[in-house]
Amino acid sequence: MQNTAKGLKNWQKAVIIVLLILVGFILTLVLTMPSGSKKNASSKPRTAKVQKISLKQTLLVSGIVQSSNTRNVISKVNGAIEKIFVKNGQYVKKGDLIAKIDDSQAVFKIEALKRQLLDLELQRENFQRQLQNFTLKSPQDGFVQNLTTSEGMFVSQEMQVMTIVDDSKMKLSVQLPAWCYGKVKRGQKAEVVVSDLMDRVDGVVEGLGSRIYKNQDGVMVFDAKVVVSNKNGSLTEGMRASVSLKLSNGEKVTSLSEGILEVFSKKIIVSPVSGRVEKVFVENGQKVKTGSLLLKFSTDEVEMQIKQLDLKIEDIKSQIKAAEDDLKNYEVLAPIDGKIADLNLQDGDVVTVGQMICSVYDPKHLVISAQVEELDILKIKPGQKVNIKLDAVGSTRNRPLEGYVAEISEKAQSDSNGSVSKFVVKIEFENNSNIKIGMHAEAEIILKSKENALVVPVEAVHKDDGKYYVYVYPQQKAKTSEKNKEQKTSQKTDEYGLDSSYYKDAEKRAVKLGMTTDKYVEILEGLIEGEEVVLPKFDTEKQGQSLFY
């Protein structure tokens, strides 16, 4: 009995060992089964739902942060710096004083130019006054006498050219006896007897001598001047006449001698300038009025002098204006609002025209100059939105700064070999953080975007004879027939290399595509939200590949 029991136990142990070996073999077989066989054994292939999302087509670029507006402050004058009023990093407003350059030489130059201008203007005034003398006018009413010049004749200054005689009145001087001195008054009426005409005319005492003297006959006398009207022109020079007066007491007194009639006024006209007579307006014996034109002298030479002076005056005025405008440049002003940078000068340093004093940059409005390859440049348009991230500003990783495409270069830049053409794209954004000039930035340019876009993964789309399609997995998988259950499952591929057994339960459906990104493709026609599309089998050798591309 003991031997029997012992044999039974050995048999049981052998069975257990065999069972364990069998289980291990089965497990090994399952674990080492090819991936295709496992998936064939699976009840459902890999799928993805058709969904609506916010779809964005983007282009990632990078660049260095710069100010969108940086202005170099350049000296426009030569001179020593009197004082610098700012320092690097200081914020200034447009028009703020940055530096003052010594302007003493500029001020001296302006004063010298103004003295030259005053001298030229005085010369011009003198010539202008001379022009007034080049037209000769009559100083009184009368007639022309002794005209000695003609048109085209050259006369010298102070040369006598004519006489203007006023014979509307005549005058004569007579001797009156001394006993009536003091009794005869200026303005007293007189009777003039013209012996040559045997006629009497009225006259007026115009003047009386200031002394009594003895005449050639030894009689004490004094002189009296009498004026006689000659409106009818009957009296002429050289006629002799005597004078009778009635005194205030009724006594009558007569001149002791006759006087000689003379014209009342005779003006000798002389040339005020030296020059050529251009026009003679009168002739001898011609009556003229006060202000009547007599002669006109040529003004060509004087007018030429005035024109030359005018040119010099305008030139000096232009020099003064330029110098005064230049004087403003000795005060160096901020060209824009911004921060001071690149200031390496100090008080007393000498600057020259064109030398950089400092720069002023706008720290609020920044720009990234990114290089874009020619294959992508036509996708970029001015105004496109941009999301910006900076490694140095960690907050921008979760909350990118917003910017926009501000400028796209018209001309490409090639590398040293000339093989790669790139275009510069400027992206502007506002400095809402503590961003420094020179930081590195990554910018995501949003080329296209669409809300509620119906999408599937890119890998779900296949291309067949120029058309696109997907495999749609049925909402409720149909029951397979007993015949299919009994058939041995094996892996087969269709003419496009797809595992036909993997897609056997899916519907091949044509689709129309829209926007495409690296992960998703927009479906314009052929699918509805919520449907499931079959994704390619997972194969480590083909992982990351897409049949769509």
Protein backbone atom coordinates (compact mmCIF):
# COMPACT_ATOMS: atom_id res chain seq x y z
CA MET A 1 0.00 0.00 0.00
CA GLN A 2 2.79 2.28 0.80
CA ASN A 3 4.41 1.64 -2.59
CA THR A 4 1.10 2.25 -4.35
CA ALA A 5 0.54 5.56 -2.55
CA LYS A 6 4.06 6.59 -3.30
CA GLY A 7 3.62 5.84 -7.04
CA LEU A 8 0.38 7.81 -7.13
CA LYS A 9 2.04 10.85 -5.70
CA ASN A 10 4.82 10.69 -8.31
CA TRP A 11 2.20 10.47 -11.09
CA GLN A 12 0.38 13.53 -9.77
CA LYS A 13 3.58 15.48 -9.64
CA ALA A 14 4.31 14.58 -13.24
CA VAL A 15 0.86 15.76 -14.35
CA ILE A 16 1.28 19.06 -12.54
CA ILE A 17 4.68 19.60 -14.15
CA VAL A 18 3.28 18.87 -17.62
CA LEU A 19 0.38 21.28 -17.03
CA LEU A 20 2.75 24.01 -15.91
CA ILE A 21 4.91 23.48 -18.98
CA LEU A 22 1.82 23.65 -21.21
CA VAL A 23 0.59 26.89 -19.61
CA GLY A 24 4.04 28.39 -19.98
CA PHE A 25 4.14 27.40 -23.63
CA ILE A 26 0.74 28.96 -24.29
CA LEU A 27 1.76 32.19 -22.55
CA THR A 28 4.97 32.28 -24.50
CA LEU A 29 3.07 31.73 -27.74
CA VAL A 30 0.65 34.54 -26.95
CA LEU A 31 3.34 36.95 -25.93
CA THR A 32 5.43 36.23 -28.98
CA MET A 33 2.50 36.34 -31.42
CA PRO A 34 3.11 38.87 -34.32
CA SER A 35 1.48 42.28 -33.87
CA GLY A 36 -0.70 41.76 -36.89
CA SER A 37 -2.09 38.55 -35.46
CA LYS A 38 -2.87 40.26 -32.16
CA LYS A 39 -4.72 43.02 -33.92
CA ASN A 40 -6.59 40.60 -36.04
CA ALA A 41 -7.70 39.04 -32.82
CA SER A 42 -8.82 42.46 -31.54
CA SER A 43 -12.45 43.31 -31.89
CA LYS A 44 -11.88 46.97 -33.04
CA PRO A 45 -9.08 48.84 -34.92
CA ARG A 46 -7.60 52.14 -33.77
CA THR A 47 -10.06 54.97 -34.39
CA ALA A 48 -10.53 58.69 -33.84
CA LYS A 49 -13.71 60.71 -33.61
CA VAL A 50 -14.61 63.39 -36.10
CA GLN A 51 -14.70 66.55 -34.01
CA LYS A 52 -14.95 70.34 -34.20
CA ILE A 53 -12.02 72.39 -32.91
CA SER A 54 -10.37 75.77 -33.36
CA LEU A 55 -7.95 75.04 -36.16
CA LYS A 56 -4.84 77.12 -36.71
CA GLN A 57 -2.27 76.88 -39.46
CA THR A 58 0.95 78.38 -38.14
CA LEU A 59 4.57 79.00 -39.02
CA LEU A 60 7.22 79.05 -36.29
CA VAL A 61 10.05 81.58 -36.65
CA SER A 62 12.58 83.11 -34.30
CA GLY A 63 14.60 86.28 -33.95
CA ILE A 64 16.13 88.88 -31.67
CA VAL A 65 13.98 91.51 -29.94
CA GLN A 66 14.66 95.04 -31.12
CA SER A 67 12.92 98.38 -30.74
CA SER A 68 10.49 99.20 -33.51
CA ASN A 69 11.80 102.76 -33.50
CA THR A 70 15.45 103.51 -32.76
CA ARG A 71 16.89 106.90 -33.72
CA ASN A 72 20.57 107.75 -33.70
CA VAL A 73 21.22 111.26 -32.38
CA ILE A 74 23.82 112.77 -34.72
CA SER A 75 25.68 116.05 -34.20
CA LYS A 76 24.86 118.55 -36.93
CA VAL A 77 27.59 121.01 -35.88
CA ASN A 78 31.22 121.13 -34.78
CA GLY A 79 32.08 122.18 -31.26
CA ALA A 80 32.82 121.30 -27.68
CA ILE A 81 30.06 119.89 -25.50
CA GLU A 82 29.19 122.39 -22.77
CA LYS A 83 26.94 120.02 -20.85
CA ILE A 84 25.24 116.63 -21.17
CA PHE A 85 21.85 116.50 -19.45
CA VAL A 86 21.03 112.76 -19.68
CA LYS A 87 22.52 109.34 -18.99
CA ASN A 88 22.15 105.87 -20.45
CA GLY A 89 18.83 104.22 -19.61
CA GLN A 90 17.13 107.54 -18.82
CA TYR A 91 13.65 107.99 -20.27
CA VAL A 92 13.19 111.19 -22.28
CA LYS A 93 10.34 112.88 -24.09
CA LYS A 94 10.55 114.12 -27.65
CA GLY A 95 12.17 117.58 -27.58
CA ASP A 96 13.94 117.10 -24.24
CA LEU A 97 17.43 118.62 -24.07
CA ILE A 98 20.12 115.93 -24.36
CA ALA A 99 23.23 118.10 -24.67
CA LYS A 100 24.37 121.70 -25.26
CA ILE A 101 27.27 122.43 -27.63
CA ASP A 102 29.29 125.66 -27.41
CA ASP A 103 27.70 128.13 -29.87
CA SER A 104 29.86 131.23 -29.32
CA GLN A 105 31.42 131.06 -32.79
CA ALA A 106 28.02 130.62 -34.40
CA VAL A 107 26.63 133.67 -32.56
CA PHE A 108 29.64 135.76 -33.64
CA LYS A 109 29.11 134.71 -37.26
CA ILE A 110 25.45 135.79 -37.16
CA GLU A 111 26.35 139.20 -35.72
CA ALA A 112 28.99 139.75 -38.44
CA LEU A 113 26.50 138.84 -41.16
CA LYS A 114 23.93 141.26 -39.73
CA ARG A 115 26.50 144.08 -39.83
CA GLN A 116 27.19 143.30 -43.49
CA LEU A 117 23.46 143.36 -44.18
CA LEU A 118 23.04 146.77 -42.55
CA ASP A 119 25.90 148.22 -44.64
CA LEU A 120 24.40 146.88 -47.88
CA GLU A 121 20.95 148.21 -47.02
CA LEU A 122 22.40 151.68 -46.36
CA GLN A 123 24.12 151.61 -49.75
CA ARG A 124 20.87 150.63 -51.39
CA GLU A 125 18.97 153.45 -49.68
CA ASN A 126 21.57 155.92 -50.96
CA PHE A 127 21.15 154.72 -54.55
CA GLN A 128 17.38 154.77 -54.13
CA ARG A 129 17.55 158.42 -53.08
CA GLN A 130 19.68 159.15 -56.12
CA LEU A 131 16.94 157.74 -58.32
CA GLN A 132 14.63 160.48 -57.10
CA ASN A 133 17.11 163.05 -58.46
CA PHE A 134 17.15 161.44 -61.88
CA THR A 135 13.77 163.06 -62.55
CA LEU A 136 14.00 166.87 -62.54
CA LYS A 137 10.84 168.87 -61.70
CA SER A 138 9.99 172.55 -61.70
CA PRO A 139 10.31 174.21 -58.28
CA GLN A 140 7.76 176.94 -59.13
CA ASP A 141 5.27 178.28 -61.64
CA GLY A 142 6.85 180.19 -64.51
CA PHE A 143 8.38 179.74 -67.93
CA VAL A 144 11.54 178.06 -69.17
CA GLN A 145 14.50 180.18 -70.00
CA ASN A 146 18.12 179.46 -70.97
CA LEU A 147 17.62 175.73 -71.70
CA THR A 148 21.13 174.44 -72.39
CA THR A 149 20.72 170.66 -72.71
CA SER A 150 19.14 168.15 -75.08
CA GLU A 151 18.30 164.43 -75.14
CA GLY A 152 21.34 162.12 -75.18
CA MET A 153 23.61 164.84 -73.85
CA PHE A 154 25.87 163.99 -70.91
CA VAL A 155 25.81 166.55 -68.11
CA SER A 156 27.87 166.80 -64.97
CA GLN A 157 26.55 167.31 -61.47
CA GLU A 158 25.75 170.99 -60.62
CA MET A 159 25.80 172.00 -64.29
CA GLN A 160 23.20 174.72 -65.13
CA VAL A 161 20.62 173.28 -67.50
CA MET A 162 17.83 175.93 -67.53
CA THR A 163 16.11 178.73 -65.64
CA ILE A 164 12.50 178.87 -64.47
CA VAL A 165 11.25 182.45 -64.45
CA ASP A 166 8.14 183.50 -62.49
CA ASP A 167 6.93 186.74 -64.19
CA SER A 168 3.41 186.66 -62.75
CA LYS A 169 4.67 189.40 -60.46
CA MET A 170 7.35 192.04 -60.90
CA LYS A 171 9.44 193.76 -58.28
CA LEU A 172 11.49 196.92 -58.08
CA SER A 173 13.60 198.74 -55.49
CA VAL A 174 13.33 202.53 -54.96
CA GLN A 175 14.75 205.18 -52.60
CA LEU A 176 12.41 207.02 -50.20
CA PRO A 177 13.34 210.17 -48.24
CA ALA A 178 14.57 209.57 -44.72
CA TRP A 179 11.94 211.82 -43.10
CA CYS A 180 9.25 209.15 -43.72
CA TYR A 181 11.31 206.31 -42.31
CA GLY A 182 9.16 204.51 -39.80
CA LYS A 183 5.98 205.87 -41.31
CA VAL A 184 6.00 203.49 -44.26
CA LYS A 185 4.83 199.98 -43.32
CA ARG A 186 5.37 196.57 -44.87
CA GLY A 187 2.23 195.47 -46.79
CA GLN A 188 1.21 199.07 -47.41
CA LYS A 189 -0.38 199.77 -50.81
CA ALA A 190 1.60 201.73 -53.33
CA GLU A 191 1.02 203.28 -56.72
CA VAL A 192 3.59 202.33 -59.34
CA VAL A 193 4.03 204.56 -62.38
CA VAL A 194 5.63 202.68 -65.30
CA SER A 195 7.21 205.39 -67.41
CA ASP A 196 7.81 203.04 -70.38
CA LEU A 197 4.08 202.38 -70.59
CA MET A 198 2.91 205.71 -69.24
CA ASP A 199 0.61 203.66 -67.05
CA ARG A 200 -0.13 203.27 -63.39
CA VAL A 201 -0.42 199.88 -61.62
CA ASP A 202 -1.07 198.90 -58.05
CA GLY A 203 1.70 197.54 -55.91
CA VAL A 204 2.45 196.48 -52.34
CA VAL A 205 5.42 197.30 -50.13
CA GLU A 206 7.17 193.98 -49.60
CA GLY A 207 10.28 195.04 -47.77
CA LEU A 208 12.01 198.01 -46.15
CA GLY A 209 15.70 198.70 -45.74
CA SER A 210 17.09 198.35 -42.26
CA ARG A 211 19.15 201.59 -42.37
CA ILE A 212 19.15 205.18 -43.62
CA TYR A 213 22.04 206.17 -45.84
CA LYS A 214 23.14 209.09 -48.05
CA ASN A 215 22.63 208.54 -51.77
CA GLN A 216 24.89 209.75 -54.55
CA ASP A 217 23.16 213.12 -54.53
CA GLY A 218 23.90 213.56 -50.83
CA VAL A 219 20.27 213.09 -49.78
CA MET A 220 19.45 210.87 -46.78
CA VAL A 221 17.31 207.97 -47.97
CA PHE A 222 16.28 204.35 -47.24
CA ASP A 223 15.33 201.53 -49.60
CA ALA A 224 11.87 200.10 -50.18
CA LYS A 225 10.93 197.02 -52.23
CA VAL A 226 7.58 196.99 -54.01
CA VAL A 227 5.86 194.08 -55.75
CA VAL A 228 3.55 194.60 -58.73
CA SER A 229 1.12 192.09 -60.23
CA ASN A 230 1.77 191.15 -63.87
CA LYS A 231 -1.08 188.79 -64.62
CA ASN A 232 -1.73 190.26 -68.04
CA GLY A 233 1.98 190.00 -68.90
CA SER A 234 2.33 193.64 -70.00
CA LEU A 235 5.30 194.28 -67.73
CA THR A 236 8.74 193.11 -68.71
CA GLU A 237 12.12 193.15 -67.13
CA GLY A 238 14.08 196.40 -67.53
CA MET A 239 11.13 198.78 -67.54
CA ARG A 240 11.54 201.82 -65.30
CA ALA A 241 8.96 202.91 -62.74
CA SER A 242 8.53 205.23 -59.76
CA VAL A 243 6.49 204.67 -56.58
CA SER A 244 4.04 206.92 -54.69
CA LEU A 245 2.74 206.22 -51.19
CA LYS A 246 0.08 207.76 -48.99
CA LEU A 247 1.06 207.87 -45.34
CA SER A 248 -1.31 207.27 -42.47
CA ASN A 249 -1.57 211.04 -41.77
CA GLY A 250 -2.62 211.67 -45.34
CA GLU A 251 0.71 212.90 -46.56
CA LYS A 252 1.94 211.64 -49.93
CA VAL A 253 5.50 210.62 -50.56
CA THR A 254 7.17 209.80 -53.88
CA SER A 255 10.34 207.86 -54.51
CA LEU A 256 13.41 210.02 -55.17
CA SER A 257 14.43 207.83 -58.12
CA GLU A 258 13.01 205.31 -60.54
CA GLY A 259 13.62 201.64 -60.10
CA ILE A 260 14.14 198.89 -62.66
CA LEU A 261 11.44 196.19 -62.94
CA GLU A 262 12.62 192.62 -62.34
CA VAL A 263 10.77 189.33 -62.38
CA PHE A 264 9.60 188.29 -58.95
CA SER A 265 11.41 184.92 -58.92
CA LYS A 266 14.07 183.41 -61.15
CA LYS A 267 15.28 179.86 -60.31
CA ILE A 268 18.42 178.54 -61.92
CA ILE A 269 18.07 174.78 -62.43
CA VAL A 270 21.25 172.70 -62.11
CA SER A 271 21.76 168.95 -62.69
CA PRO A 272 21.56 167.02 -59.41
CA VAL A 273 23.57 164.10 -60.87
CA SER A 274 26.12 163.28 -63.49
CA GLY A 275 24.63 161.30 -66.33
CA ARG A 276 23.02 161.10 -69.70
CA VAL A 277 19.85 163.09 -70.41
CA GLU A 278 17.25 160.54 -71.42
CA LYS A 279 14.26 162.85 -71.98
CA VAL A 280 13.65 166.64 -72.17
CA PHE A 281 10.03 167.52 -71.45
CA VAL A 282 10.17 171.36 -72.01
CA GLU A 283 11.57 174.02 -74.33
CA ASN A 284 12.54 177.66 -73.94
CA GLY A 285 9.61 179.98 -73.24
CA GLN A 286 7.30 177.12 -72.24
CA LYS A 287 5.14 177.84 -69.21
CA VAL A 288 5.32 175.27 -66.42
CA LYS A 289 3.64 174.63 -63.09
CA THR A 290 5.24 173.67 -59.82
CA GLY A 291 6.13 169.96 -60.04
CA SER A 292 6.05 169.78 -63.84
CA LEU A 293 8.59 167.35 -65.35
CA LEU A 294 11.57 169.12 -66.88
CA LEU A 295 14.22 166.47 -67.50
CA LYS A 296 14.75 162.74 -66.97
CA PHE A 297 18.23 161.29 -66.64
CA SER A 298 19.15 157.71 -67.51
CA THR A 299 19.00 155.48 -64.44
CA ASP A 300 20.55 152.35 -66.01
CA GLU A 301 23.79 152.50 -64.09
CA VAL A 302 22.17 153.23 -60.75
CA GLU A 303 19.49 150.59 -61.26
CA MET A 304 22.23 148.07 -62.07
CA GLN A 305 23.95 149.01 -58.83
CA ILE A 306 20.67 148.53 -56.95
CA LYS A 307 20.10 145.12 -58.56
CA GLN A 308 23.59 143.99 -57.60
CA LEU A 309 23.00 145.19 -54.06
CA ASP A 310 19.65 143.37 -53.97
CA LEU A 311 21.40 140.12 -54.89
CA LYS A 312 24.00 140.65 -52.19
CA ILE A 313 21.31 141.51 -49.65
CA GLU A 314 19.32 138.36 -50.47
CA ASP A 315 22.47 136.26 -50.21
CA ILE A 316 23.34 137.72 -46.81
CA LYS A 317 19.76 137.21 -45.60
CA SER A 318 19.93 133.57 -46.69
CA GLN A 319 23.22 133.17 -44.86
CA ILE A 320 21.72 134.71 -41.73
CA LYS A 321 18.67 132.44 -41.87
CA ALA A 322 20.86 129.38 -42.38
CA ALA A 323 23.13 130.45 -39.53
CA GLU A 324 20.16 131.08 -37.22
CA ASP A 325 18.67 127.69 -38.15
CA ASP A 326 22.07 126.12 -37.55
CA LEU A 327 22.22 127.82 -34.16
CA LYS A 328 19.29 125.64 -33.05
CA ASN A 329 21.45 122.57 -33.70
CA TYR A 330 23.76 123.50 -30.83
CA GLU A 331 20.96 122.31 -28.56
CA VAL A 332 20.74 118.54 -29.08
CA LEU A 333 17.13 117.40 -28.58
CA ALA A 334 15.52 113.97 -28.24
CA PRO A 335 13.95 113.02 -31.60
CA ILE A 336 11.36 110.67 -30.06
CA ASP A 337 10.01 109.47 -26.72
CA GLY A 338 12.24 106.70 -25.44
CA LYS A 339 15.31 105.62 -23.52
CA ILE A 340 18.88 106.87 -23.95
CA ALA A 341 21.50 104.36 -25.12
CA ASP A 342 25.04 104.34 -26.56
CA LEU A 343 26.00 107.58 -24.76
CA ASN A 344 29.80 107.53 -24.46
CA LEU A 345 30.59 111.27 -24.35
CA GLN A 346 31.10 113.68 -21.47
CA ASP A 347 31.25 117.43 -20.87
CA GLY A 348 34.13 119.05 -22.76
CA ASP A 349 34.40 116.44 -25.50
CA VAL A 350 34.62 117.84 -29.03
CA VAL A 351 32.15 116.56 -31.60
CA THR A 352 32.10 116.96 -35.36
CA VAL A 353 29.33 117.04 -37.93
CA GLY A 354 27.94 113.53 -38.42
CA GLN A 355 29.30 112.15 -35.16
CA MET A 356 26.88 110.03 -33.14
CA ILE A 357 26.15 111.43 -29.68
CA CYS A 358 23.77 108.69 -28.50
CA SER A 359 20.67 106.80 -29.57
CA VAL A 360 17.08 106.92 -28.37
CA TYR A 361 14.91 103.83 -28.64
CA ASP A 362 11.24 103.21 -27.97
CA PRO A 363 11.08 100.52 -25.24
CA LYS A 364 7.32 100.07 -25.50
CA HIS A 365 6.95 99.08 -29.13
CA LEU A 366 9.19 96.15 -30.03
CA VAL A 367 9.95 94.25 -33.21
CA ILE A 368 11.35 90.86 -34.16
CA SER A 369 13.12 90.56 -37.51
CA ALA A 370 12.70 86.92 -38.51
CA GLN A 371 14.02 85.18 -41.61
CA VAL A 372 11.53 83.12 -43.61
CA GLU A 373 12.39 80.74 -46.42
CA GLU A 374 11.03 81.43 -49.89
CA LEU A 375 8.75 78.36 -49.77
CA ASP A 376 6.81 79.89 -46.86
CA ILE A 377 6.97 83.62 -47.61
CA LEU A 378 3.85 83.74 -49.81
CA LYS A 379 1.79 82.38 -46.91
CA ILE A 380 2.58 85.42 -44.80
CA LYS A 381 0.49 88.59 -45.08
CA PRO A 382 0.76 91.94 -43.28
CA GLY A 383 -1.52 92.13 -40.26
CA GLN A 384 -1.50 88.40 -39.46
CA LYS A 385 -1.60 87.70 -35.72
CA VAL A 386 1.48 86.32 -33.99
CA ASN A 387 1.99 84.58 -30.63
CA ILE A 388 5.37 85.41 -29.10
CA LYS A 389 7.31 83.49 -26.47
CA LEU A 390 10.62 84.36 -24.82
CA ASP A 391 12.85 81.95 -22.93
CA ALA A 392 13.93 84.75 -20.60
CA VAL A 393 10.33 85.62 -19.69
CA GLY A 394 8.80 82.42 -18.35
CA SER A 395 5.26 83.78 -18.16
CA THR A 396 5.11 83.97 -21.95
CA ARG A 397 5.25 80.16 -22.20
CA ASN A 398 1.69 79.86 -20.92
CA ARG A 399 0.53 83.31 -21.94
CA PRO A 400 2.25 84.31 -25.18
CA LEU A 401 2.45 87.97 -26.08
CA GLU A 402 0.32 89.10 -28.98
CA GLY A 403 1.86 90.74 -32.02
CA TYR A 404 1.26 91.14 -35.73
CA VAL A 405 3.15 90.98 -39.01
CA ALA A 406 4.14 94.59 -39.71
CA GLU A 407 6.39 94.34 -42.74
CA ILE A 408 7.58 91.81 -45.32
CA SER A 409 10.74 92.52 -47.30
CA GLU A 410 10.32 92.72 -51.06
CA LYS A 411 13.80 91.39 -51.76
CA ALA A 412 15.27 88.09 -50.59
CA GLN A 413 18.60 87.72 -48.86
CA SER A 414 20.80 84.80 -49.95
CA ASP A 415 23.31 82.94 -47.82
CA SER A 416 27.04 83.08 -48.50
CA ASN A 417 26.72 80.31 -51.09
CA GLY A 418 23.71 81.93 -52.72
CA SER A 419 21.77 78.71 -52.47
CA VAL A 420 19.12 79.60 -49.89
CA SER A 421 16.91 82.66 -50.24
CA LYS A 422 15.29 84.09 -47.16
CA PHE A 423 13.01 87.06 -46.63
CA VAL A 424 12.96 89.31 -43.57
CA VAL A 425 9.59 89.52 -41.82
CA LYS A 426 9.15 92.17 -39.12
CA ILE A 427 6.80 91.33 -36.27
CA GLU A 428 5.72 94.16 -33.96
CA PHE A 429 4.38 93.84 -30.42
CA GLU A 430 4.05 95.88 -27.25
CA ASN A 431 6.34 95.46 -24.27
CA ASN A 432 3.89 94.45 -21.56
CA SER A 433 6.60 92.68 -19.57
CA ASN A 434 10.13 93.46 -18.55
CA ILE A 435 11.51 92.58 -21.97
CA LYS A 436 15.00 93.75 -22.84
CA ILE A 437 16.38 94.62 -26.23
CA GLY A 438 18.45 91.72 -27.55
CA MET A 439 16.44 88.86 -26.01
CA HIS A 440 15.76 85.78 -28.14
CA ALA A 441 12.12 85.19 -29.08
CA GLU A 442 10.06 82.53 -30.81
CA ALA A 443 7.10 83.71 -32.84
CA GLU A 444 4.18 81.62 -34.05
CA ILE A 445 2.65 83.31 -37.09
CA ILE A 446 -1.02 82.37 -37.49
CA LEU A 447 -1.31 81.89 -41.23
CA LYS A 448 -4.94 80.77 -41.15
CA SER A 449 -7.46 80.07 -38.43
CA LYS A 450 -10.99 78.77 -38.29
CA GLU A 451 -13.42 78.27 -35.43
CA ASN A 452 -15.53 75.09 -35.23
CA ALA A 453 -13.60 73.39 -37.99
CA LEU A 454 -14.60 69.75 -38.58
CA VAL A 455 -11.33 67.79 -38.39
CA VAL A 456 -9.75 64.34 -38.31
CA PRO A 457 -6.15 63.38 -37.63
CA VAL A 458 -3.91 63.77 -40.67
CA GLU A 459 -2.97 60.06 -40.51
CA ALA A 460 -6.60 59.05 -41.07
CA VAL A 461 -6.64 60.48 -44.61
CA HIS A 462 -5.55 58.38 -47.59
CA LYS A 463 -4.99 59.32 -51.20
CA ASP A 464 -6.28 57.20 -54.06
CA ASP A 465 -5.88 58.24 -57.70
CA GLY A 466 -5.67 61.93 -56.85
CA LYS A 467 -8.66 61.82 -54.51
CA TYR A 468 -8.78 61.76 -50.73
CA TYR A 469 -10.76 59.34 -48.59
CA VAL A 470 -11.07 57.96 -45.07
CA TYR A 471 -12.27 54.67 -43.55
CA VAL A 472 -15.36 55.32 -41.44
CA TYR A 473 -15.97 52.83 -38.66
CA PRO A 474 -19.67 51.93 -38.31
CA GLN A 475 -21.51 53.20 -35.27
CA GLN A 476 -22.79 49.64 -34.54
CA LYS A 477 -20.57 46.90 -35.86
CA ALA A 478 -22.55 44.37 -37.94
CA LYS A 479 -22.57 40.76 -36.86
CA THR A 480 -20.31 38.59 -38.86
CA SER A 481 -21.65 35.40 -40.35
CA GLU A 482 -20.88 32.00 -38.94
CA LYS A 483 -18.96 31.35 -42.08
CA ASN A 484 -16.63 34.26 -41.42
CA LYS A 485 -16.23 33.08 -37.83
CA GLU A 486 -15.17 29.69 -38.94
CA GLN A 487 -12.78 31.03 -41.56
CA LYS A 488 -9.21 31.33 -40.49
CA THR A 489 -8.19 34.97 -40.16
CA SER A 490 -5.08 35.92 -42.09
CA GLN A 491 -3.36 39.25 -42.84
CA LYS A 492 -3.81 40.44 -46.44
CA THR A 493 -3.07 43.80 -48.14
CA ASP A 494 -4.91 45.55 -50.92
CA GLU A 495 -3.40 47.10 -54.03
CA TYR A 496 -2.36 50.24 -52.05
CA GLY A 497 -0.52 48.30 -49.38
CA LEU A 498 -3.25 48.59 -46.75
CA ASP A 499 -4.16 45.63 -44.55
CA SER A 500 -7.55 44.75 -46.03
CA SER A 501 -8.55 42.65 -43.04
CA TYR A 502 -7.80 45.57 -40.71
CA TYR A 503 -10.29 47.82 -42.56
CA LYS A 504 -12.81 45.07 -43.41
CA ASP A 505 -15.55 46.48 -41.17
CA ALA A 506 -14.99 50.15 -42.21
CA GLU A 507 -16.62 52.16 -45.00
CA LYS A 508 -14.26 53.75 -47.50
CA ARG A 509 -15.60 57.25 -48.02
CA ALA A 510 -14.38 60.11 -50.24
CA VAL A 511 -13.84 63.47 -48.51
CA LYS A 512 -13.11 67.06 -49.50
CA LEU A 513 -10.27 68.65 -47.56
CA GLY A 514 -9.80 72.18 -46.27
CA MET A 515 -7.11 73.64 -44.04
CA THR A 516 -4.29 71.34 -42.98
CA THR A 517 -1.93 71.49 -40.01
CA ASP A 518 0.78 69.11 -38.86
CA LYS A 519 -1.79 67.18 -36.76
CA TYR A 520 -5.24 67.76 -38.21
CA VAL A 521 -6.93 68.22 -41.54
CA GLU A 522 -10.23 70.03 -42.04
CA ILE A 523 -13.05 68.04 -43.66
CA LEU A 524 -15.32 70.20 -45.81
CA GLU A 525 -17.47 67.39 -47.19
CA GLY A 526 -17.96 63.68 -46.50
CA LEU A 527 -18.10 63.42 -42.70
CA ILE A 528 -20.23 64.61 -39.80
CA GLU A 529 -19.28 65.35 -36.24
CA GLY A 530 -19.17 62.29 -33.98
CA GLU A 531 -18.36 59.71 -36.63
CA GLU A 532 -15.29 57.55 -36.13
CA VAL A 533 -12.51 57.17 -38.66
CA VAL A 534 -10.05 54.31 -38.68
CA LEU A 535 -6.43 55.17 -38.04
CA PRO A 536 -3.60 53.13 -39.53
CA LYS A 537 -2.36 50.14 -37.55
CA PHE A 538 0.31 51.00 -35.04
CA ASP A 539 3.62 49.79 -36.47
CA THR A 540 6.86 50.80 -34.81
CA GLU A 541 8.61 50.60 -38.14
CA LYS A 542 6.12 53.06 -39.69
CA GLN A 543 5.41 55.17 -36.62
CA GLY A 544 5.13 58.87 -37.47
CA GLN A 545 4.51 58.25 -41.17
CA SER A 546 1.29 59.38 -42.82
CA LEU A 547 -0.32 57.97 -45.90
CA PHE A 548 -1.66 61.48 -46.57
CA TYR A 549 1.77 62.76 -47.47
